[in-house]
Structure formats: structure tokens, C-alpha cells
PDB file of N, CA and C in Angstrom:
ATOM      1  N   MET A   1     -62.049 -33.767  37.669  1.00  0.00           N
ATOM      2  CA  MET A   1     -62.347 -33.649  36.201  1.00  0.00           C
ATOM      3  C   MET A   1     -61.324 -34.528  35.601  1.00  0.00           C
ATOM      4  N   SER A   2     -61.987 -35.420  34.426  1.00  0.00           N
ATOM      5  CA  SER A   2     -61.220 -36.315  33.885  1.00  0.00           C
ATOM      6  C   SER A   2     -60.315 -35.941  33.028  1.00  0.00           C
ATOM      7  N   ALA A   3     -59.483 -36.560  32.326  1.00  0.00           N
ATOM      8  CA  ALA A   3     -58.460 -36.038  31.425  1.00  0.00           C
ATOM      9  C   ALA A   3     -59.112 -35.641  30.170  1.00  0.00           C
ATOM     10  N   ALA A   4     -60.011 -36.476  29.826  1.00  0.00           N
ATOM     11  CA  ALA A   4     -60.690 -36.202  28.332  1.00  0.00           C
ATOM     12  C   ALA A   4     -61.589 -34.667  28.521  1.00  0.00           C
ATOM     13  N   ARG A   5     -62.105 -34.672  29.732  1.00  0.00           N
ATOM     14  CA  ARG A   5     -62.960 -33.415  29.756  1.00  0.00           C
ATOM     15  C   ARG A   5     -62.037 -32.409  29.877  1.00  0.00           C
ATOM     16  N   ARG A   6     -60.633 -32.352  30.524  1.00  0.00           N
ATOM     17  CA  ARG A   6     -59.772 -31.447  30.695  1.00  0.00           C
ATOM     18  C   ARG A   6     -59.256 -30.996  29.148  1.00  0.00           C
ATOM     19  N   ARG A   7     -59.040 -32.131  28.330  1.00  0.00           N
ATOM     20  CA  ARG A   7     -58.863 -31.843  27.043  1.00  0.00           C
ATOM     21  C   ARG A   7     -59.510 -30.841  26.266  1.00  0.00           C
ATOM     22  N   VAL A   8     -60.746 -31.381  26.518  1.00  0.00           N
ATOM     23  CA  VAL A   8     -61.861 -30.442  25.742  1.00  0.00           C
ATOM     24  C   VAL A   8     -62.002 -29.242  26.212  1.00  0.00           C
ATOM     25  N   GLU A   9     -61.980 -28.925  27.488  1.00  0.00           N
ATOM     26  CA  GLU A   9     -62.020 -27.521  28.072  1.00  0.00           C
ATOM     27  C   GLU A   9     -60.520 -26.770  27.468  1.00  0.00           C
ATOM     28  N   ASP A  10     -59.483 -27.433  27.448  1.00  0.00           N
ATOM     29  CA  ASP A  10     -58.177 -26.843  26.948  1.00  0.00           C
ATOM     30  C   ASP A  10     -58.534 -26.346  25.574  1.00  0.00           C
ATOM     31  N   HIS A  11     -58.996 -27.165  25.004  1.00  0.00           N
ATOM     32  CA  HIS A  11     -59.205 -27.116  23.534  1.00  0.00           C
ATOM     33  C   HIS A  11     -60.213 -25.764  23.165  1.00  0.00           C
ATOM     34  N   ARG A  12     -61.223 -26.014  23.953  1.00  0.00           N
ATOM     35  CA  ARG A  12     -62.317 -24.842  23.815  1.00  0.00           C
ATOM     36  C   ARG A  12     -61.563 -23.302  24.068  1.00  0.00           C
ATOM     37  N   ALA A  13     -60.795 -23.440  25.066  1.00  0.00           N
ATOM     38  CA  ALA A  13     -60.264 -22.166  25.758  1.00  0.00           C
ATOM     39  C   ALA A  13     -59.091 -21.519  24.614  1.00  0.00           C
ATOM     40  N   ALA A  14     -58.374 -22.650  24.202  1.00  0.00           N
ATOM     41  CA  ALA A  14     -57.471 -22.383  23.076  1.00  0.00           C
ATOM     42  C   ALA A  14     -58.191 -21.919  21.680  1.00  0.00           C
ATOM     43  N   LYS A  15     -59.260 -22.299  21.256  1.00  0.00           N
ATOM     44  CA  LYS A  15     -59.829 -22.016  20.135  1.00  0.00           C
ATOM     45  C   LYS A  15     -60.580 -20.597  20.554  1.00  0.00           C
ATOM     46  N   ALA A  16     -61.060 -20.386  21.589  1.00  0.00           N
ATOM     47  CA  ALA A  16     -61.498 -19.114  21.843  1.00  0.00           C
ATOM     48  C   ALA A  16     -60.502 -17.918  21.942  1.00  0.00           C
ATOM     49  N   ALA A  17     -59.374 -18.292  22.364  1.00  0.00           N
ATOM     50  CA  ALA A  17     -58.169 -17.329  22.478  1.00  0.00           C
ATOM     51  C   ALA A  17     -57.734 -16.990  21.014  1.00  0.00           C
ATOM     52  N   VAL A  18     -57.885 -17.778  19.892  1.00  0.00           N
ATOM     53  CA  VAL A  18     -57.498 -17.760  18.659  1.00  0.00           C
ATOM     54  C   VAL A  18     -58.307 -16.807  18.114  1.00  0.00           C
ATOM     55  N   MET A  19     -59.851 -17.044  18.267  1.00  0.00           N
ATOM     56  CA  MET A  19     -60.912 -16.365  17.830  1.00  0.00           C
ATOM     57  C   MET A  19     -60.890 -14.897  18.174  1.00  0.00           C
ATOM     58  N   ARG A  20     -60.419 -14.657  19.475  1.00  0.00           N
ATOM     59  CA  ARG A  20     -60.544 -13.455  20.015  1.00  0.00           C
ATOM     60  C   ARG A  20     -59.269 -12.741  19.336  1.00  0.00           C
ATOM     61  N   GLU A  21     -58.114 -13.315  19.132  1.00  0.00           N
ATOM     62  CA  GLU A  21     -57.006 -12.630  18.349  1.00  0.00           C
ATOM     63  C   GLU A  21     -57.290 -12.202  16.832  1.00  0.00           C
ATOM     64  N   VAL A  22     -58.040 -13.378  16.299  1.00  0.00           N
ATOM     65  CA  VAL A  22     -58.233 -12.926  14.903  1.00  0.00           C
ATOM     66  C   VAL A  22     -59.424 -11.766  14.825  1.00  0.00           C
ATOM     67  N   ARG A  23     -60.195 -11.870  15.633  1.00  0.00           N
ATOM     68  CA  ARG A  23     -61.428 -10.669  15.716  1.00  0.00           C
ATOM     69  C   ARG A  23     -60.732  -9.237  15.983  1.00  0.00           C
ATOM     70  N   ASP A  24     -59.748  -9.372  16.820  1.00  0.00           N
ATOM     71  CA  ASP A  24     -59.191  -7.822  17.390  1.00  0.00           C
ATOM     72  C   ASP A  24     -58.381  -7.621  16.301  1.00  0.00           C
ATOM     73  N   GLY A  25     -57.697  -8.478  15.547  1.00  0.00           N
ATOM     74  CA  GLY A  25     -56.898  -8.077  14.370  1.00  0.00           C
ATOM     75  C   GLY A  25     -57.852  -7.668  13.201  1.00  0.00           C
ATOM     76  N   LEU A  26     -58.844  -8.120  13.002  1.00  0.00           N
ATOM     77  CA  LEU A  26     -59.834  -7.771  11.883  1.00  0.00           C
ATOM     78  C   LEU A  26     -60.421  -6.159  12.356  1.00  0.00           C
ATOM     79  N   ILE A  27     -60.663  -6.061  13.592  1.00  0.00           N
ATOM     80  CA  ILE A  27     -61.023  -4.903  13.799  1.00  0.00           C
ATOM     81  C   ILE A  27     -60.093  -3.866  13.754  1.00  0.00           C
ATOM     82  N   ALA A  28     -58.672  -4.210  14.024  1.00  0.00           N
ATOM     83  CA  ALA A  28     -57.766  -3.166  14.084  1.00  0.00           C
ATOM     84  C   ALA A  28     -57.634  -2.764  12.322  1.00  0.00           C
ATOM     85  N   GLN A  29     -57.541  -3.888  11.729  1.00  0.00           N
ATOM     86  CA  GLN A  29     -57.084  -3.645  10.298  1.00  0.00           C
ATOM     87  C   GLN A  29     -58.608  -2.745   9.537  1.00  0.00           C
ATOM     88  N   ALA A  30     -59.851  -2.996   9.876  1.00  0.00           N
ATOM     89  CA  ALA A  30     -60.943  -2.102   9.535  1.00  0.00           C
ATOM     90  C   ALA A  30     -60.653  -0.733   9.954  1.00  0.00           C
ATOM     91  N   ARG A  31     -60.170  -0.563  11.223  1.00  0.00           N
ATOM     92  CA  ARG A  31     -60.019   0.893  11.941  1.00  0.00           C
ATOM     93  C   ARG A  31     -59.001   1.622  11.155  1.00  0.00           C
ATOM     94  N   ARG A  32     -57.903   0.805  10.746  1.00  0.00           N
ATOM     95  CA  ARG A  32     -56.628   1.622   9.872  1.00  0.00           C
ATOM     96  C   ARG A  32     -57.188   1.758   8.422  1.00  0.00           C
ATOM     97  N   THR A  33     -58.172   0.699   7.881  1.00  0.00           N
ATOM     98  CA  THR A  33     -58.398   1.147   6.392  1.00  0.00           C
ATOM     99  C   THR A  33     -59.576   2.470   6.681  1.00  0.00           C
ATOM    100  N   ALA A  34     -60.203   2.519   7.612  1.00  0.00           N
ATOM    101  CA  ALA A  34     -61.161   3.529   7.702  1.00  0.00           C
ATOM    102  C   ALA A  34     -60.636   4.873   7.914  1.00  0.00           C
ATOM    103  N   ARG A  35     -59.620   4.930   8.749  1.00  0.00           N
ATOM    104  CA  ARG A  35     -58.740   6.043   8.967  1.00  0.00           C
ATOM    105  C   ARG A  35     -58.176   6.588   7.803  1.00  0.00           C
ATOM    106  N   ALA A  36     -57.536   5.471   7.119  1.00  0.00           N
ATOM    107  CA  ALA A  36     -56.807   5.886   5.807  1.00  0.00           C
ATOM    108  C   ALA A  36     -57.498   6.524   4.744  1.00  0.00           C
ATOM    109  N   SER A  37     -58.754   6.035   4.619  1.00  0.00           N
ATOM    110  CA  SER A  37     -59.576   6.240   3.465  1.00  0.00           C
ATOM    111  C   SER A  37     -60.448   7.341   3.867  1.00  0.00           C
ATOM    112  N   ALA A  38     -60.703   7.731   4.940  1.00  0.00           N
ATOM    113  CA  ALA A  38     -61.543   8.722   5.326  1.00  0.00           C
ATOM    114  C   ALA A  38     -60.981  10.104   5.209  1.00  0.00           C
ATOM    115  N   VAL A  39     -59.711  10.458   5.442  1.00  0.00           N
ATOM    116  CA  VAL A  39     -59.055  11.613   5.286  1.00  0.00           C
ATOM    117  C   VAL A  39     -59.106  12.028   3.726  1.00  0.00           C
ATOM    118  N   PRO A  40     -58.593  11.271   3.014  1.00  0.00           N
ATOM    119  CA  PRO A  40     -58.566  11.862   1.478  1.00  0.00           C
ATOM    120  C   PRO A  40     -60.023  12.022   0.863  1.00  0.00           C
ATOM    121  N   ALA A  41     -61.140  11.345   1.507  1.00  0.00           N
ATOM    122  CA  ALA A  41     -62.398  11.479   0.947  1.00  0.00           C
ATOM    123  C   ALA A  41     -62.885  12.765   1.201  1.00  0.00           C
ATOM    124  N   THR A  42     -62.719  13.215   2.528  1.00  0.00           N
ATOM    125  CA  THR A  42     -63.300  14.658   3.132  1.00  0.00           C
ATOM    126  C   THR A  42     -62.197  15.518   2.477  1.00  0.00           C
ATOM    127  N   ALA A  43     -60.954  15.409   2.563  1.00  0.00           N
ATOM    128  CA  ALA A  43     -60.205  16.464   2.095  1.00  0.00           C
ATOM    129  C   ALA A  43     -60.032  16.717   0.656  1.00  0.00           C
ATOM    130  N   SER A  44     -60.490  15.744  -0.193  1.00  0.00           N
ATOM    131  CA  SER A  44     -60.469  16.056  -1.725  1.00  0.00           C
ATOM    132  C   SER A  44     -61.485  16.874  -2.291  1.00  0.00           C
ATOM    133  N   HIS A  45     -62.528  17.147  -1.593  1.00  0.00           N
ATOM    134  CA  HIS A  45     -63.544  18.238  -2.054  1.00  0.00           C
ATOM    135  C   HIS A  45     -63.654  19.140  -1.034  1.00  0.00           C
ATOM    136  N   GLY A  46     -63.426  19.161   0.284  1.00  0.00           N
ATOM    137  CA  GLY A  46     -63.451  19.994   1.468  1.00  0.00           C
ATOM    138  C   GLY A  46     -64.877  20.079   1.869  1.00  0.00           C
ATOM    139  N   VAL A  47     -65.769  19.157   1.565  1.00  0.00           N
ATOM    140  CA  VAL A  47     -66.999  19.266   2.098  1.00  0.00           C
ATOM    141  C   VAL A  47     -67.345  17.847   2.761  1.00  0.00           C
ATOM    142  N   VAL A  48     -67.774  17.913   4.089  1.00  0.00           N
ATOM    143  CA  VAL A  48     -67.943  16.808   4.742  1.00  0.00           C
ATOM    144  C   VAL A  48     -69.568  16.463   4.737  1.00  0.00           C
ATOM    145  N   ALA A  49     -69.870  15.608   4.064  1.00  0.00           N
ATOM    146  CA  ALA A  49     -71.384  15.186   4.050  1.00  0.00           C
ATOM    147  C   ALA A  49     -72.002  14.554   5.192  1.00  0.00           C
ATOM    148  N   ALA A  50     -73.237  14.356   5.238  1.00  0.00           N
ATOM    149  CA  ALA A  50     -73.935  13.801   6.143  1.00  0.00           C
ATOM    150  C   ALA A  50     -73.374  12.251   6.537  1.00  0.00           C
ATOM    151  N   SER A  51     -73.193  11.690   5.495  1.00  0.00           N
ATOM    152  CA  SER A  51     -72.380  10.482   5.341  1.00  0.00           C
ATOM    153  C   SER A  51     -71.586  10.226   3.846  1.00  0.00           C
ATOM    154  N   ALA A  52     -71.098   9.257   3.780  1.00  0.00           N
ATOM    155  CA  ALA A  52     -70.324   8.983   2.524  1.00  0.00           C
ATOM    156  C   ALA A  52     -71.190   8.756   1.454  1.00  0.00           C
ATOM    157  N   ARG A  53     -72.421   8.143   1.837  1.00  0.00           N
ATOM    158  CA  ARG A  53     -73.620   7.839   0.671  1.00  0.00           C
ATOM    159  C   ARG A  53     -73.958   9.080   0.208  1.00  0.00           C
ATOM    160  N   ASP A  54     -73.858  10.023   0.740  1.00  0.00           N
ATOM    161  CA  ASP A  54     -74.413  11.359   0.225  1.00  0.00           C
ATOM    162  C   ASP A  54     -73.700  11.976  -0.802  1.00  0.00           C
ATOM    163  N   CYS A  55     -72.447  11.701  -0.693  1.00  0.00           N
ATOM    164  CA  CYS A  55     -71.513  12.316  -1.605  1.00  0.00           C
ATOM    165  C   CYS A  55     -71.331  11.405  -2.982  1.00  0.00           C
ATOM    166  N   ARG A  56     -71.637  11.662  -4.104  1.00  0.00           N
ATOM    167  CA  ARG A  56     -71.415  10.785  -5.260  1.00  0.00           C
ATOM    168  C   ARG A  56     -70.230  10.206  -5.390  1.00  0.00           C
ATOM    169  N   ARG A  57     -69.088  11.059  -5.341  1.00  0.00           N
ATOM    170  CA  ARG A  57     -67.624  10.968  -5.561  1.00  0.00           C
ATOM    171  C   ARG A  57     -67.207   9.864  -4.596  1.00  0.00           C
ATOM    172  N   CYS A  58     -67.747   9.979  -3.295  1.00  0.00           N
ATOM    173  CA  CYS A  58     -67.247   9.043  -2.087  1.00  0.00           C
ATOM    174  C   CYS A  58     -68.088   7.837  -2.345  1.00  0.00           C
ATOM    175  N   ALA A  59     -69.272   7.787  -3.019  1.00  0.00           N
ATOM    176  CA  ALA A  59     -69.959   6.491  -3.262  1.00  0.00           C
ATOM    177  C   ALA A  59     -69.207   5.654  -4.426  1.00  0.00           C
ATOM    178  N   GLN A  60     -68.795   6.336  -5.561  1.00  0.00           N
ATOM    179  CA  GLN A  60     -68.238   5.797  -6.691  1.00  0.00           C
ATOM    180  C   GLN A  60     -66.762   5.329  -6.202  1.00  0.00           C
ATOM    181  N   ALA A  61     -66.211   5.820  -5.080  1.00  0.00           N
ATOM    182  CA  ALA A  61     -64.907   5.251  -4.608  1.00  0.00           C
ATOM    183  C   ALA A  61     -65.123   4.257  -3.752  1.00  0.00           C
ATOM    184  N   GLY A  62     -66.464   3.886  -3.598  1.00  0.00           N
ATOM    185  CA  GLY A  62     -66.580   2.851  -2.418  1.00  0.00           C
ATOM    186  C   GLY A  62     -66.765   3.033  -1.035  1.00  0.00           C
ATOM    187  N   PHE A  63     -66.842   4.256  -0.635  1.00  0.00           N
ATOM    188  CA  PHE A  63     -67.002   4.650   0.675  1.00  0.00           C
ATOM    189  C   PHE A  63     -68.379   4.651   1.242  1.00  0.00           C
ATOM    190  N   ARG A  64     -68.542   3.849   2.180  1.00  0.00           N
ATOM    191  CA  ARG A  64     -69.962   3.398   2.714  1.00  0.00           C
ATOM    192  C   ARG A  64     -70.093   4.029   3.904  1.00  0.00           C
TER     193      ARG A  64
END
């Protein structure tokens, strides 16, 4: 493999690793946010709707 081709492959591998790290971080952040917001939404009125859209209070608070 030529040096140029090796650099291209190394760059692609590094870029893919960074994108995986960013994606995993975003997924973890979304899970933390969902977990933090789901508890007060259901605990505040004690009724678990079929979905957050079914509850007007949840919809107004931005839960989807």
C-alpha cells in the first residue's frame, strides 16, 4: 500500500472513530435527558398516559 493510500485510510479510520464517539455521547445525553424528564412527568399527575402526547400537561412541557 502506498504512503498516500495509508494516510487516507488512517484519516478515514480516525474520522470514523471520532464520529462514533460523538454519536455515543449524543445517545447517552439523550438517554439521561429522557430519564430525568420522564420521572417528574409521570409523577406530577400520577397518570401514565399511552404516550406523552396524550397528556396535555406533558405536551405543553415539551415531552414528546
